[in-house]
Amino acid sequence: MSIPHSKRICQIIKLKPEAEAEYKAIHANVWPGVLATLTRHNIADYSIHYYPPLQLLIANFKYVGTDYDVDMRGIAADPETQRWWKVTDGMQESLIDGATGSGGEVPWWQELEEVFRFEGRSA
C-alpha cells in the first residue's frame, strides 16, 4: 500500500562479515527510543535487507514529512539514536569516501537513484 505524499529512499552500505550475527540480533530488538525518533521525524515503512555475497545492507524507507533535511538533522541530534549508531556503525563499512559515521557531514550510507516505480492500480 502506498503512503500518499511520500518520498522513497534506498541506501546501501557494507556489513563487516564478522558482524553479521550481531547486526541481525540487534536489529531483531531495535531500541524503542530509536523507533520513536524515526516515527517523530516522519520515517515510515523502513526495512533493511542483507545480500551476503556482496556483504551489502540495503535499506528502504518512506519519508512522509515536508522537510527531509530538517527531519534528518532531528534524527541525528537524538541522543539515543547517536548511541545506536555508535554500536551499528562499527559493524559497517561505508561506500562513501570521507564518511566517518552516521550523522556526520559526509553521508554514511550511500543513497541510490530510483530508476523505476510501479505502485499498481488505484482502487
PDB file of N, CA and C in Angstrom:
ATOM      1  N   MET A   1       0.836  -1.180   0.000  1.00  0.00           N
ATOM      2  CA  MET A   1       0.000   0.000   0.000  1.00  0.00           C
ATOM      3  C   MET A   1       0.884   1.248   0.000  1.00  0.00           C
ATOM      4  N   SER A   2       0.581   2.164  -0.836  1.00  0.00           N
ATOM      5  CA  SER A   2       1.360   3.386  -0.953  1.00  0.00           C
ATOM      6  C   SER A   2       0.930   4.409   0.104  1.00  0.00           C
ATOM      7  N   ILE A   3       1.894   5.133   0.621  1.00  0.00           N
ATOM      8  CA  ILE A   3       1.610   6.223   1.550  1.00  0.00           C
ATOM      9  C   ILE A   3       1.585   7.499   0.727  1.00  0.00           C
ATOM     10  N   PRO A   4       0.454   8.239   0.737  1.00  0.00           N
ATOM     11  CA  PRO A   4       0.371   9.468  -0.072  1.00  0.00           C
ATOM     12  C   PRO A   4       1.464  10.469   0.302  1.00  0.00           C
ATOM     13  N   HIS A   5       1.926  11.210  -0.669  1.00  0.00           N
ATOM     14  CA  HIS A   5       2.895  12.290  -0.457  1.00  0.00           C
ATOM     15  C   HIS A   5       4.180  11.791   0.197  1.00  0.00           C
ATOM     16  N   SER A   6       4.641  10.642  -0.214  1.00  0.00           N
ATOM     17  CA  SER A   6       5.865  10.111   0.381  1.00  0.00           C
ATOM     18  C   SER A   6       7.014  10.154  -0.609  1.00  0.00           C
ATOM     19  N   LYS A   7       8.200  10.199  -0.046  1.00  0.00           N
ATOM     20  CA  LYS A   7       9.435  10.129  -0.820  1.00  0.00           C
ATOM     21  C   LYS A   7      10.093   8.811  -0.432  1.00  0.00           C
ATOM     22  N   ARG A   8      10.445   7.992  -1.397  1.00  0.00           N
ATOM     23  CA  ARG A   8      11.119   6.732  -1.113  1.00  0.00           C
ATOM     24  C   ARG A   8      12.621   6.955  -1.102  1.00  0.00           C
ATOM     25  N   ILE A   9      13.270   6.304  -0.148  1.00  0.00           N
ATOM     26  CA  ILE A   9      14.720   6.374  -0.032  1.00  0.00           C
ATOM     27  C   ILE A   9      15.256   4.951  -0.043  1.00  0.00           C
ATOM     28  N   CYS A  10      16.314   4.731  -0.809  1.00  0.00           N
ATOM     29  CA  CYS A  10      17.024   3.449  -0.801  1.00  0.00           C
ATOM     30  C   CYS A  10      18.502   3.764  -0.591  1.00  0.00           C
ATOM     31  N   GLN A  11      19.112   3.045   0.349  1.00  0.00           N
ATOM     32  CA  GLN A  11      20.513   3.281   0.680  1.00  0.00           C
ATOM     33  C   GLN A  11      21.236   1.944   0.827  1.00  0.00           C
ATOM     34  N   ILE A  12      22.549   1.962   0.598  1.00  0.00           N
ATOM     35  CA  ILE A  12      23.353   0.758   0.774  1.00  0.00           C
ATOM     36  C   ILE A  12      24.604   1.059   1.596  1.00  0.00           C
ATOM     37  N   ILE A  13      25.114   0.008   2.218  1.00  0.00           N
ATOM     38  CA  ILE A  13      26.364   0.062   2.964  1.00  0.00           C
ATOM     39  C   ILE A  13      26.856  -1.371   3.091  1.00  0.00           C
ATOM     40  N   LYS A  14      28.143  -1.545   3.321  1.00  0.00           N
ATOM     41  CA  LYS A  14      28.686  -2.894   3.512  1.00  0.00           C
ATOM     42  C   LYS A  14      28.618  -3.275   4.980  1.00  0.00           C
ATOM     43  N   LEU A  15      28.322  -4.540   5.224  1.00  0.00           N
ATOM     44  CA  LEU A  15      28.346  -5.103   6.564  1.00  0.00           C
ATOM     45  C   LEU A  15      29.638  -5.899   6.713  1.00  0.00           C
ATOM     46  N   LYS A  16      30.367  -5.643   7.781  1.00  0.00           N
ATOM     47  CA  LYS A  16      31.583  -6.416   8.027  1.00  0.00           C
ATOM     48  C   LYS A  16      31.183  -7.876   8.252  1.00  0.00           C
ATOM     49  N   PRO A  17      31.826  -8.812   7.558  1.00  0.00           N
ATOM     50  CA  PRO A  17      31.401 -10.219   7.640  1.00  0.00           C
ATOM     51  C   PRO A  17      31.359 -10.755   9.064  1.00  0.00           C
ATOM     52  N   GLU A  18      32.289 -10.339   9.889  1.00  0.00           N
ATOM     53  CA  GLU A  18      32.337 -10.834  11.261  1.00  0.00           C
ATOM     54  C   GLU A  18      31.217 -10.258  12.137  1.00  0.00           C
ATOM     55  N   ALA A  19      30.496  -9.272  11.636  1.00  0.00           N
ATOM     56  CA  ALA A  19      29.436  -8.626  12.411  1.00  0.00           C
ATOM     57  C   ALA A  19      28.034  -9.086  12.020  1.00  0.00           C
ATOM     58  N   GLU A  20      27.924 -10.009  11.077  1.00  0.00           N
ATOM     59  CA  GLU A  20      26.605 -10.399  10.564  1.00  0.00           C
ATOM     60  C   GLU A  20      25.646 -10.857  11.676  1.00  0.00           C
ATOM     61  N   ALA A  21      26.063 -11.779  12.503  1.00  0.00           N
ATOM     62  CA  ALA A  21      25.173 -12.305  13.548  1.00  0.00           C
ATOM     63  C   ALA A  21      24.772 -11.214  14.539  1.00  0.00           C
ATOM     64  N   GLU A  22      25.738 -10.397  14.959  1.00  0.00           N
ATOM     65  CA  GLU A  22      25.449  -9.331  15.918  1.00  0.00           C
ATOM     66  C   GLU A  22      24.509  -8.287  15.310  1.00  0.00           C
ATOM     67  N   TYR A  23      24.725  -7.941  14.050  1.00  0.00           N
ATOM     68  CA  TYR A  23      23.887  -6.950  13.384  1.00  0.00           C
ATOM     69  C   TYR A  23      22.441  -7.434  13.306  1.00  0.00           C
ATOM     70  N   LYS A  24      22.273  -8.686  12.921  1.00  0.00           N
ATOM     71  CA  LYS A  24      20.920  -9.244  12.840  1.00  0.00           C
ATOM     72  C   LYS A  24      20.274  -9.308  14.219  1.00  0.00           C
ATOM     73  N   ALA A  25      21.045  -9.674  15.234  1.00  0.00           N
ATOM     74  CA  ALA A  25      20.499  -9.781  16.590  1.00  0.00           C
ATOM     75  C   ALA A  25      20.047  -8.424  17.119  1.00  0.00           C
ATOM     76  N   ILE A  26      20.854  -7.397  16.948  1.00  0.00           N
ATOM     77  CA  ILE A  26      20.473  -6.076  17.467  1.00  0.00           C
ATOM     78  C   ILE A  26      19.257  -5.527  16.722  1.00  0.00           C
ATOM     79  N   HIS A  27      19.147  -5.847  15.438  1.00  0.00           N
ATOM     80  CA  HIS A  27      18.000  -5.363  14.678  1.00  0.00           C
ATOM     81  C   HIS A  27      16.735  -6.186  14.932  1.00  0.00           C
ATOM     82  N   ALA A  28      16.873  -7.316  15.580  1.00  0.00           N
ATOM     83  CA  ALA A  28      15.687  -8.078  15.983  1.00  0.00           C
ATOM     84  C   ALA A  28      14.994  -7.400  17.166  1.00  0.00           C
ATOM     85  N   ASN A  29      15.705  -6.509  17.854  1.00  0.00           N
ATOM     86  CA  ASN A  29      15.167  -5.785  19.011  1.00  0.00           C
ATOM     87  C   ASN A  29      15.669  -4.346  19.003  1.00  0.00           C
ATOM     88  N   VAL A  30      15.262  -3.595  17.985  1.00  0.00           N
ATOM     89  CA  VAL A  30      15.694  -2.200  17.881  1.00  0.00           C
ATOM     90  C   VAL A  30      15.197  -1.442  19.115  1.00  0.00           C
ATOM     91  N   TRP A  31      16.052  -0.596  19.644  1.00  0.00           N
ATOM     92  CA  TRP A  31      15.713   0.164  20.842  1.00  0.00           C
ATOM     93  C   TRP A  31      14.462   1.016  20.604  1.00  0.00           C
ATOM     94  N   PRO A  32      13.527   0.986  21.542  1.00  0.00           N
ATOM     95  CA  PRO A  32      12.280   1.747  21.374  1.00  0.00           C
ATOM     96  C   PRO A  32      12.502   3.245  21.136  1.00  0.00           C
ATOM     97  N   GLY A  33      13.499   3.826  21.771  1.00  0.00           N
ATOM     98  CA  GLY A  33      13.763   5.251  21.562  1.00  0.00           C
ATOM     99  C   GLY A  33      14.188   5.571  20.140  1.00  0.00           C
ATOM    100  N   VAL A  34      14.906   4.653  19.510  1.00  0.00           N
ATOM    101  CA  VAL A  34      15.315   4.840  18.113  1.00  0.00           C
ATOM    102  C   VAL A  34      14.086   4.791  17.210  1.00  0.00           C
ATOM    103  N   LEU A  35      13.219   3.822  17.444  1.00  0.00           N
ATOM    104  CA  LEU A  35      11.994   3.724  16.638  1.00  0.00           C
ATOM    105  C   LEU A  35      11.099   4.947  16.839  1.00  0.00           C
ATOM    106  N   ALA A  36      11.014   5.430  18.075  1.00  0.00           N
ATOM    107  CA  ALA A  36      10.202   6.622  18.351  1.00  0.00           C
ATOM    108  C   ALA A  36      10.760   7.838  17.611  1.00  0.00           C
ATOM    109  N   THR A  37      12.073   7.952  17.561  1.00  0.00           N
ATOM    110  CA  THR A  37      12.694   9.072  16.844  1.00  0.00           C
ATOM    111  C   THR A  37      12.401   8.993  15.352  1.00  0.00           C
ATOM    112  N   LEU A  38      12.490   7.809  14.782  1.00  0.00           N
ATOM    113  CA  LEU A  38      12.164   7.651  13.362  1.00  0.00           C
ATOM    114  C   LEU A  38      10.721   8.062  13.089  1.00  0.00           C
ATOM    115  N   THR A  39       9.819   7.617  13.944  1.00  0.00           N
ATOM    116  CA  THR A  39       8.408   7.967  13.784  1.00  0.00           C
ATOM    117  C   THR A  39       8.200   9.473  13.915  1.00  0.00           C
ATOM    118  N   ARG A  40       8.803  10.064  14.941  1.00  0.00           N
ATOM    119  CA  ARG A  40       8.660  11.505  15.193  1.00  0.00           C
ATOM    120  C   ARG A  40       9.175  12.340  14.016  1.00  0.00           C
ATOM    121  N   HIS A  41      10.129  11.783  13.283  1.00  0.00           N
ATOM    122  CA  HIS A  41      10.728  12.523  12.163  1.00  0.00           C
ATOM    123  C   HIS A  41      10.288  11.968  10.806  1.00  0.00           C
ATOM    124  N   ASN A  42       9.074  11.416  10.789  1.00  0.00           N
ATOM    125  CA  ASN A  42       8.356  11.130   9.539  1.00  0.00           C
ATOM    126  C   ASN A  42       8.942  10.012   8.681  1.00  0.00           C
ATOM    127  N   ILE A  43       9.544   9.013   9.329  1.00  0.00           N
ATOM    128  CA  ILE A  43      10.031   7.832   8.608  1.00  0.00           C
ATOM    129  C   ILE A  43       8.994   6.727   8.756  1.00  0.00           C
ATOM    130  N   ALA A  44       8.638   6.092   7.650  1.00  0.00           N
ATOM    131  CA  ALA A  44       7.646   5.020   7.654  1.00  0.00           C
ATOM    132  C   ALA A  44       8.135   3.872   6.768  1.00  0.00           C
ATOM    133  N   ASP A  45       7.573   2.707   7.009  1.00  0.00           N
ATOM    134  CA  ASP A  45       7.804   1.543   6.139  1.00  0.00           C
ATOM    135  C   ASP A  45       9.300   1.299   5.914  1.00  0.00           C
ATOM    136  N   TYR A  46      10.056   1.210   7.004  1.00  0.00           N
ATOM    137  CA  TYR A  46      11.516   1.076   6.972  1.00  0.00           C
ATOM    138  C   TYR A  46      11.894  -0.404   7.029  1.00  0.00           C
ATOM    139  N   SER A  47      12.752  -0.827   6.129  1.00  0.00           N
ATOM    140  CA  SER A  47      13.279  -2.190   6.178  1.00  0.00           C
ATOM    141  C   SER A  47      14.740  -2.186   5.740  1.00  0.00           C
ATOM    142  N   ILE A  48      15.474  -3.163   6.239  1.00  0.00           N
ATOM    143  CA  ILE A  48      16.862  -3.373   5.822  1.00  0.00           C
ATOM    144  C   ILE A  48      16.982  -4.814   5.372  1.00  0.00           C
ATOM    145  N   HIS A  49      17.532  -5.010   4.184  1.00  0.00           N
ATOM    146  CA  HIS A  49      17.762  -6.349   3.633  1.00  0.00           C
ATOM    147  C   HIS A  49      19.267  -6.591   3.578  1.00  0.00           C
ATOM    148  N   TYR A  50      19.644  -7.868   3.556  1.00  0.00           N
ATOM    149  CA  TYR A  50      21.062  -8.226   3.521  1.00  0.00           C
ATOM    150  C   TYR A  50      21.325  -9.161   2.353  1.00  0.00           C
ATOM    151  N   TYR A  51      22.355  -8.823   1.558  1.00  0.00           N
ATOM    152  CA  TYR A  51      22.796  -9.655   0.427  1.00  0.00           C
ATOM    153  C   TYR A  51      24.192 -10.168   0.744  1.00  0.00           C
ATOM    154  N   PRO A  52      24.295 -11.392   1.294  1.00  0.00           N
ATOM    155  CA  PRO A  52      25.577 -11.911   1.774  1.00  0.00           C
ATOM    156  C   PRO A  52      26.711 -11.985   0.744  1.00  0.00           C
ATOM    157  N   PRO A  53      26.457 -12.357  -0.527  1.00  0.00           N
ATOM    158  CA  PRO A  53      27.597 -12.467  -1.443  1.00  0.00           C
ATOM    159  C   PRO A  53      28.419 -11.172  -1.567  1.00  0.00           C
ATOM    160  N   LEU A  54      27.777 -10.034  -1.435  1.00  0.00           N
ATOM    161  CA  LEU A  54      28.487  -8.748  -1.506  1.00  0.00           C
ATOM    162  C   LEU A  54      28.565  -8.065  -0.141  1.00  0.00           C
ATOM    163  N   GLN A  55      28.094  -8.737   0.911  1.00  0.00           N
ATOM    164  CA  GLN A  55      28.052  -8.182   2.269  1.00  0.00           C
ATOM    165  C   GLN A  55      27.357  -6.822   2.258  1.00  0.00           C
ATOM    166  N   LEU A  56      26.252  -6.749   1.536  1.00  0.00           N
ATOM    167  CA  LEU A  56      25.575  -5.492   1.288  1.00  0.00           C
ATOM    168  C   LEU A  56      24.284  -5.394   2.086  1.00  0.00           C
ATOM    169  N   LEU A  57      24.161  -4.309   2.845  1.00  0.00           N
ATOM    170  CA  LEU A  57      22.904  -3.969   3.501  1.00  0.00           C
ATOM    171  C   LEU A  57      22.165  -2.992   2.596  1.00  0.00           C
ATOM    172  N   ILE A  58      20.870  -3.219   2.413  1.00  0.00           N
ATOM    173  CA  ILE A  58      20.045  -2.399   1.543  1.00  0.00           C
ATOM    174  C   ILE A  58      18.877  -1.895   2.371  1.00  0.00           C
ATOM    175  N   ALA A  59      18.834  -0.609   2.616  1.00  0.00           N
ATOM    176  CA  ALA A  59      17.775  -0.003   3.423  1.00  0.00           C
ATOM    177  C   ALA A  59      16.774   0.700   2.517  1.00  0.00           C
ATOM    178  N   ASN A  60      15.505   0.536   2.844  1.00  0.00           N
ATOM    179  CA  ASN A  60      14.421   1.200   2.127  1.00  0.00           C
ATOM    180  C   ASN A  60      13.481   1.814   3.151  1.00  0.00           C
ATOM    181  N   PHE A  61      13.087   3.054   2.918  1.00  0.00           N
ATOM    182  CA  PHE A  61      12.062   3.644   3.775  1.00  0.00           C
ATOM    183  C   PHE A  61      11.333   4.735   3.020  1.00  0.00           C
ATOM    184  N   LYS A  62      10.214   5.132   3.591  1.00  0.00           N
ATOM    185  CA  LYS A  62       9.445   6.240   3.034  1.00  0.00           C
ATOM    186  C   LYS A  62       9.536   7.419   3.989  1.00  0.00           C
ATOM    187  N   TYR A  63       9.764   8.566   3.412  1.00  0.00           N
ATOM    188  CA  TYR A  63       9.733   9.809   4.165  1.00  0.00           C
ATOM    189  C   TYR A  63       8.384  10.463   3.892  1.00  0.00           C
ATOM    190  N   VAL A  64       7.615  10.726   4.952  1.00  0.00           N
ATOM    191  CA  VAL A  64       6.256  11.235   4.786  1.00  0.00           C
ATOM    192  C   VAL A  64       6.080  12.650   5.332  1.00  0.00           C
ATOM    193  N   GLY A  65       7.168  13.318   5.629  1.00  0.00           N
ATOM    194  CA  GLY A  65       7.103  14.691   6.140  1.00  0.00           C
ATOM    195  C   GLY A  65       7.178  15.712   5.021  1.00  0.00           C
ATOM    196  N   THR A  66       7.483  16.950   5.413  1.00  0.00           N
ATOM    197  CA  THR A  66       7.525  18.047   4.438  1.00  0.00           C
ATOM    198  C   THR A  66       8.902  18.688   4.322  1.00  0.00           C
ATOM    199  N   ASP A  67       9.835  18.362   5.244  1.00  0.00           N
ATOM    200  CA  ASP A  67      11.177  18.940   5.184  1.00  0.00           C
ATOM    201  C   ASP A  67      12.198  17.853   5.554  1.00  0.00           C
ATOM    202  N   TYR A  68      12.629  17.130   4.548  1.00  0.00           N
ATOM    203  CA  TYR A  68      13.509  15.975   4.729  1.00  0.00           C
ATOM    204  C   TYR A  68      14.796  16.349   5.468  1.00  0.00           C
ATOM    205  N   ASP A  69      15.443  17.433   5.053  1.00  0.00           N
ATOM    206  CA  ASP A  69      16.716  17.820   5.666  1.00  0.00           C
ATOM    207  C   ASP A  69      16.549  18.143   7.153  1.00  0.00           C
ATOM    208  N   VAL A  70      15.498  18.853   7.504  1.00  0.00           N
ATOM    209  CA  VAL A  70      15.244  19.180   8.910  1.00  0.00           C
ATOM    210  C   VAL A  70      15.010  17.902   9.714  1.00  0.00           C
ATOM    211  N   ASP A  71      14.221  16.985   9.180  1.00  0.00           N
ATOM    212  CA  ASP A  71      13.957  15.738   9.901  1.00  0.00           C
ATOM    213  C   ASP A  71      15.206  14.877  10.028  1.00  0.00           C
ATOM    214  N   MET A  72      16.058  14.853   9.006  1.00  0.00           N
ATOM    215  CA  MET A  72      17.294  14.069   9.110  1.00  0.00           C
ATOM    216  C   MET A  72      18.212  14.656  10.183  1.00  0.00           C
ATOM    217  N   ARG A  73      18.260  15.983  10.267  1.00  0.00           N
ATOM    218  CA  ARG A  73      19.053  16.622  11.331  1.00  0.00           C
ATOM    219  C   ARG A  73      18.459  16.316  12.703  1.00  0.00           C
ATOM    220  N   GLY A  74      17.143  16.241  12.783  1.00  0.00           N
ATOM    221  CA  GLY A  74      16.492  15.900  14.043  1.00  0.00           C
ATOM    222  C   GLY A  74      16.826  14.494  14.494  1.00  0.00           C
ATOM    223  N   ILE A  75      16.851  13.559  13.568  1.00  0.00           N
ATOM    224  CA  ILE A  75      17.244  12.181  13.895  1.00  0.00           C
ATOM    225  C   ILE A  75      18.688  12.168  14.369  1.00  0.00           C
ATOM    226  N   ALA A  76      19.557  12.854  13.660  1.00  0.00           N
ATOM    227  CA  ALA A  76      20.981  12.867  14.004  1.00  0.00           C
ATOM    228  C   ALA A  76      21.246  13.516  15.363  1.00  0.00           C
ATOM    229  N   ALA A  77      20.362  14.406  15.800  1.00  0.00           N
ATOM    230  CA  ALA A  77      20.550  15.095  17.073  1.00  0.00           C
ATOM    231  C   ALA A  77      20.037  14.293  18.268  1.00  0.00           C
ATOM    232  N   ASP A  78      19.309  13.228  18.011  1.00  0.00           N
ATOM    233  CA  ASP A  78      18.716  12.441  19.098  1.00  0.00           C
ATOM    234  C   ASP A  78      19.787  11.622  19.833  1.00  0.00           C
ATOM    235  N   PRO A  79      19.932  11.786  21.150  1.00  0.00           N
ATOM    236  CA  PRO A  79      20.977  11.072  21.894  1.00  0.00           C
ATOM    237  C   PRO A  79      20.880   9.546  21.833  1.00  0.00           C
ATOM    238  N   GLU A  80      19.670   9.006  21.875  1.00  0.00           N
ATOM    239  CA  GLU A  80      19.521   7.543  21.802  1.00  0.00           C
ATOM    240  C   GLU A  80      19.939   7.023  20.429  1.00  0.00           C
ATOM    241  N   THR A  81      19.581   7.748  19.383  1.00  0.00           N
ATOM    242  CA  THR A  81      19.985   7.361  18.026  1.00  0.00           C
ATOM    243  C   THR A  81      21.496   7.450  17.884  1.00  0.00           C
ATOM    244  N   GLN A  82      22.112   8.463  18.469  1.00  0.00           N
ATOM    245  CA  GLN A  82      23.570   8.575  18.430  1.00  0.00           C
ATOM    246  C   GLN A  82      24.226   7.375  19.110  1.00  0.00           C
ATOM    247  N   ARG A  83      23.680   6.929  20.234  1.00  0.00           N
ATOM    248  CA  ARG A  83      24.224   5.737  20.911  1.00  0.00           C
ATOM    249  C   ARG A  83      24.049   4.497  20.038  1.00  0.00           C
ATOM    250  N   TRP A  84      22.883   4.378  19.391  1.00  0.00           N
ATOM    251  CA  TRP A  84      22.616   3.255  18.484  1.00  0.00           C
ATOM    252  C   TRP A  84      23.643   3.239  17.353  1.00  0.00           C
ATOM    253  N   TRP A  85      23.886   4.392  16.767  1.00  0.00           N
ATOM    254  CA  TRP A  85      24.838   4.482  15.663  1.00  0.00           C
ATOM    255  C   TRP A  85      26.254   4.115  16.105  1.00  0.00           C
ATOM    256  N   LYS A  86      26.619   4.449  17.328  1.00  0.00           N
ATOM    257  CA  LYS A  86      27.951   4.067  17.820  1.00  0.00           C
ATOM    258  C   LYS A  86      28.108   2.555  17.827  1.00  0.00           C
ATOM    259  N   VAL A  87      27.038   1.835  18.093  1.00  0.00           N
ATOM    260  CA  VAL A  87      27.064   0.371  18.073  1.00  0.00           C
ATOM    261  C   VAL A  87      27.059  -0.137  16.632  1.00  0.00           C
ATOM    262  N   THR A  88      26.116   0.334  15.822  1.00  0.00           N
ATOM    263  CA  THR A  88      25.946  -0.233  14.481  1.00  0.00           C
ATOM    264  C   THR A  88      27.003   0.235  13.476  1.00  0.00           C
ATOM    265  N   ASP A  89      27.487   1.476  13.602  1.00  0.00           N
ATOM    266  CA  ASP A  89      28.491   1.964  12.645  1.00  0.00           C
ATOM    267  C   ASP A  89      29.751   1.106  12.667  1.00  0.00           C
ATOM    268  N   GLY A  90      30.113   0.598  13.817  1.00  0.00           N
ATOM    269  CA  GLY A  90      31.303  -0.240  13.920  1.00  0.00           C
ATOM    270  C   GLY A  90      31.175  -1.569  13.196  1.00  0.00           C
ATOM    271  N   MET A  91      29.952  -1.926  12.843  1.00  0.00           N
ATOM    272  CA  MET A  91      29.697  -3.174  12.119  1.00  0.00           C
ATOM    273  C   MET A  91      29.674  -2.965  10.605  1.00  0.00           C
ATOM    274  N   GLN A  92      29.761  -1.719  10.187  1.00  0.00           N
ATOM    275  CA  GLN A  92      29.577  -1.368   8.779  1.00  0.00           C
ATOM    276  C   GLN A  92      30.832  -0.742   8.181  1.00  0.00           C
ATOM    277  N   GLU A  93      30.885  -0.772   6.855  1.00  0.00           N
ATOM    278  CA  GLU A  93      31.925  -0.087   6.086  1.00  0.00           C
ATOM    279  C   GLU A  93      31.228   0.783   5.048  1.00  0.00           C
ATOM    280  N   SER A  94      31.384   2.088   5.152  1.00  0.00           N
ATOM    281  CA  SER A  94      30.744   2.994   4.210  1.00  0.00           C
ATOM    282  C   SER A  94      31.363   2.855   2.821  1.00  0.00           C
ATOM    283  N   LEU A  95      30.535   3.085   1.829  1.00  0.00           N
ATOM    284  CA  LEU A  95      30.988   3.099   0.434  1.00  0.00           C
ATOM    285  C   LEU A  95      31.327   4.521  -0.028  1.00  0.00           C
ATOM    286  N   ILE A  96      31.202   5.491   0.873  1.00  0.00           N
ATOM    287  CA  ILE A  96      31.396   6.896   0.519  1.00  0.00           C
ATOM    288  C   ILE A  96      32.746   7.381   1.048  1.00  0.00           C
ATOM    289  N   ASP A  97      33.567   7.889   0.150  1.00  0.00           N
ATOM    290  CA  ASP A  97      34.872   8.441   0.554  1.00  0.00           C
ATOM    291  C   ASP A  97      34.680   9.570   1.558  1.00  0.00           C
ATOM    292  N   GLY A  98      35.449   9.534   2.615  1.00  0.00           N
ATOM    293  CA  GLY A  98      35.422  10.593   3.613  1.00  0.00           C
ATOM    294  C   GLY A  98      34.372  10.424   4.693  1.00  0.00           C
ATOM    295  N   ALA A  99      33.516   9.415   4.582  1.00  0.00           N
ATOM    296  CA  ALA A  99      32.487   9.197   5.602  1.00  0.00           C
ATOM    297  C   ALA A  99      33.144   8.675   6.877  1.00  0.00           C
ATOM    298  N   THR A 100      32.721   9.217   8.010  1.00  0.00           N
ATOM    299  CA  THR A 100      33.303   8.809   9.291  1.00  0.00           C
ATOM    300  C   THR A 100      32.276   8.190  10.229  1.00  0.00           C
ATOM    301  N   GLY A 101      31.002   8.239   9.864  1.00  0.00           N
ATOM    302  CA  GLY A 101      29.963   7.655  10.704  1.00  0.00           C
ATOM    303  C   GLY A 101      28.624   8.314  10.460  1.00  0.00           C
ATOM    304  N   SER A 102      27.580   7.662  10.960  1.00  0.00           N
ATOM    305  CA  SER A 102      26.226   8.188  10.810  1.00  0.00           C
ATOM    306  C   SER A 102      26.096   9.552  11.466  1.00  0.00           C
ATOM    307  N   GLY A 103      25.353  10.430  10.814  1.00  0.00           N
ATOM    308  CA  GLY A 103      25.104  11.755  11.359  1.00  0.00           C
ATOM    309  C   GLY A 103      26.186  12.768  11.062  1.00  0.00           C
ATOM    310  N   GLY A 104      27.233  12.352  10.337  1.00  0.00           N
ATOM    311  CA  GLY A 104      28.315  13.274  10.010  1.00  0.00           C
ATOM    312  C   GLY A 104      27.994  14.143   8.809  1.00  0.00           C
ATOM    313  N   GLU A 105      28.929  15.022   8.478  1.00  0.00           N
ATOM    314  CA  GLU A 105      28.756  15.898   7.321  1.00  0.00           C
ATOM    315  C   GLU A 105      28.691  15.111   6.016  1.00  0.00           C
ATOM    316  N   VAL A 106      29.509  14.049   5.920  1.00  0.00           N
ATOM    317  CA  VAL A 106      29.506  13.184   4.737  1.00  0.00           C
ATOM    318  C   VAL A 106      28.587  12.002   5.053  1.00  0.00           C
ATOM    319  N   PRO A 107      27.620  11.708   4.189  1.00  0.00           N
ATOM    320  CA  PRO A 107      26.698  10.603   4.475  1.00  0.00           C
ATOM    321  C   PRO A 107      27.427   9.280   4.721  1.00  0.00           C
ATOM    322  N   TRP A 108      26.921   8.478   5.645  1.00  0.00           N
ATOM    323  CA  TRP A 108      27.484   7.171   5.973  1.00  0.00           C
ATOM    324  C   TRP A 108      26.962   6.103   5.015  1.00  0.00           C
ATOM    325  N   TRP A 109      25.644   6.107   4.768  1.00  0.00           N
ATOM    326  CA  TRP A 109      25.018   5.193   3.819  1.00  0.00           C
ATOM    327  C   TRP A 109      24.982   5.864   2.453  1.00  0.00           C
ATOM    328  N   GLN A 110      25.195   5.086   1.390  1.00  0.00           N
ATOM    329  CA  GLN A 110      25.124   5.591   0.010  1.00  0.00           C
ATOM    330  C   GLN A 110      23.671   5.581  -0.449  1.00  0.00           C
ATOM    331  N   GLU A 111      23.141   6.747  -0.796  1.00  0.00           N
ATOM    332  CA  GLU A 111      21.782   6.813  -1.317  1.00  0.00           C
ATOM    333  C   GLU A 111      21.791   6.426  -2.789  1.00  0.00           C
ATOM    334  N   LEU A 112      20.757   5.690  -3.218  1.00  0.00           N
ATOM    335  CA  LEU A 112      20.667   5.214  -4.594  1.00  0.00           C
ATOM    336  C   LEU A 112      19.567   5.946  -5.356  1.00  0.00           C
ATOM    337  N   GLU A 113      19.783   6.074  -6.637  1.00  0.00           N
ATOM    338  CA  GLU A 113      18.798   6.688  -7.522  1.00  0.00           C
ATOM    339  C   GLU A 113      17.688   5.687  -7.821  1.00  0.00           C
ATOM    340  N   GLU A 114      16.464   6.132  -7.735  1.00  0.00           N
ATOM    341  CA  GLU A 114      15.334   5.298  -8.135  1.00  0.00           C
ATOM    342  C   GLU A 114      15.198   5.374  -9.654  1.00  0.00           C
ATOM    343  N   VAL A 115      15.168   4.220 -10.312  1.00  0.00           N
ATOM    344  CA  VAL A 115      15.058   4.209 -11.769  1.00  0.00           C
ATOM    345  C   VAL A 115      13.736   3.623 -12.256  1.00  0.00           C
ATOM    346  N   PHE A 116      12.959   3.050 -11.354  1.00  0.00           N
ATOM    347  CA  PHE A 116      11.658   2.502 -11.737  1.00  0.00           C
ATOM    348  C   PHE A 116      10.774   2.417 -10.509  1.00  0.00           C
ATOM    349  N   ARG A 117       9.496   2.696 -10.712  1.00  0.00           N
ATOM    350  CA  ARG A 117       8.496   2.540  -9.644  1.00  0.00           C
ATOM    351  C   ARG A 117       7.181   2.117 -10.269  1.00  0.00           C
ATOM    352  N   PHE A 118       6.559   1.119  -9.698  1.00  0.00           N
ATOM    353  CA  PHE A 118       5.213   0.704 -10.073  1.00  0.00           C
ATOM    354  C   PHE A 118       4.429   0.516  -8.790  1.00  0.00           C
ATOM    355  N   GLU A 119       3.378   1.286  -8.629  1.00  0.00           N
ATOM    356  CA  GLU A 119       2.572   1.197  -7.415  1.00  0.00           C
ATOM    357  C   GLU A 119       1.268   0.468  -7.641  1.00  0.00           C
ATOM    358  N   GLY A 120       1.062  -0.070  -8.806  1.00  0.00           N
ATOM    359  CA  GLY A 120      -0.178  -0.791  -9.073  1.00  0.00           C
ATOM    360  C   GLY A 120      -1.315   0.154  -9.405  1.00  0.00           C
ATOM    361  N   ARG A 121      -2.456  -0.436  -9.562  1.00  0.00           N
ATOM    362  CA  ARG A 121      -3.639   0.351  -9.913  1.00  0.00           C
ATOM    363  C   ARG A 121      -4.263   0.978  -8.679  1.00  0.00           C
ATOM    364  N   SER A 122      -4.880   2.124  -8.895  1.00  0.00           N
ATOM    365  CA  SER A 122      -5.661   2.747  -7.827  1.00  0.00           C
ATOM    366  C   SER A 122      -6.953   1.960  -7.677  1.00  0.00           C
ATOM    367  N   ALA A 123      -7.428   1.874  -6.444  1.00  0.00           N
ATOM    368  CA  ALA A 123      -8.660   1.131  -6.195  1.00  0.00           C
ATOM    369  C   ALA A 123      -9.862   1.917  -6.634  1.00  0.00           C
TER     370      ALA A 123
END
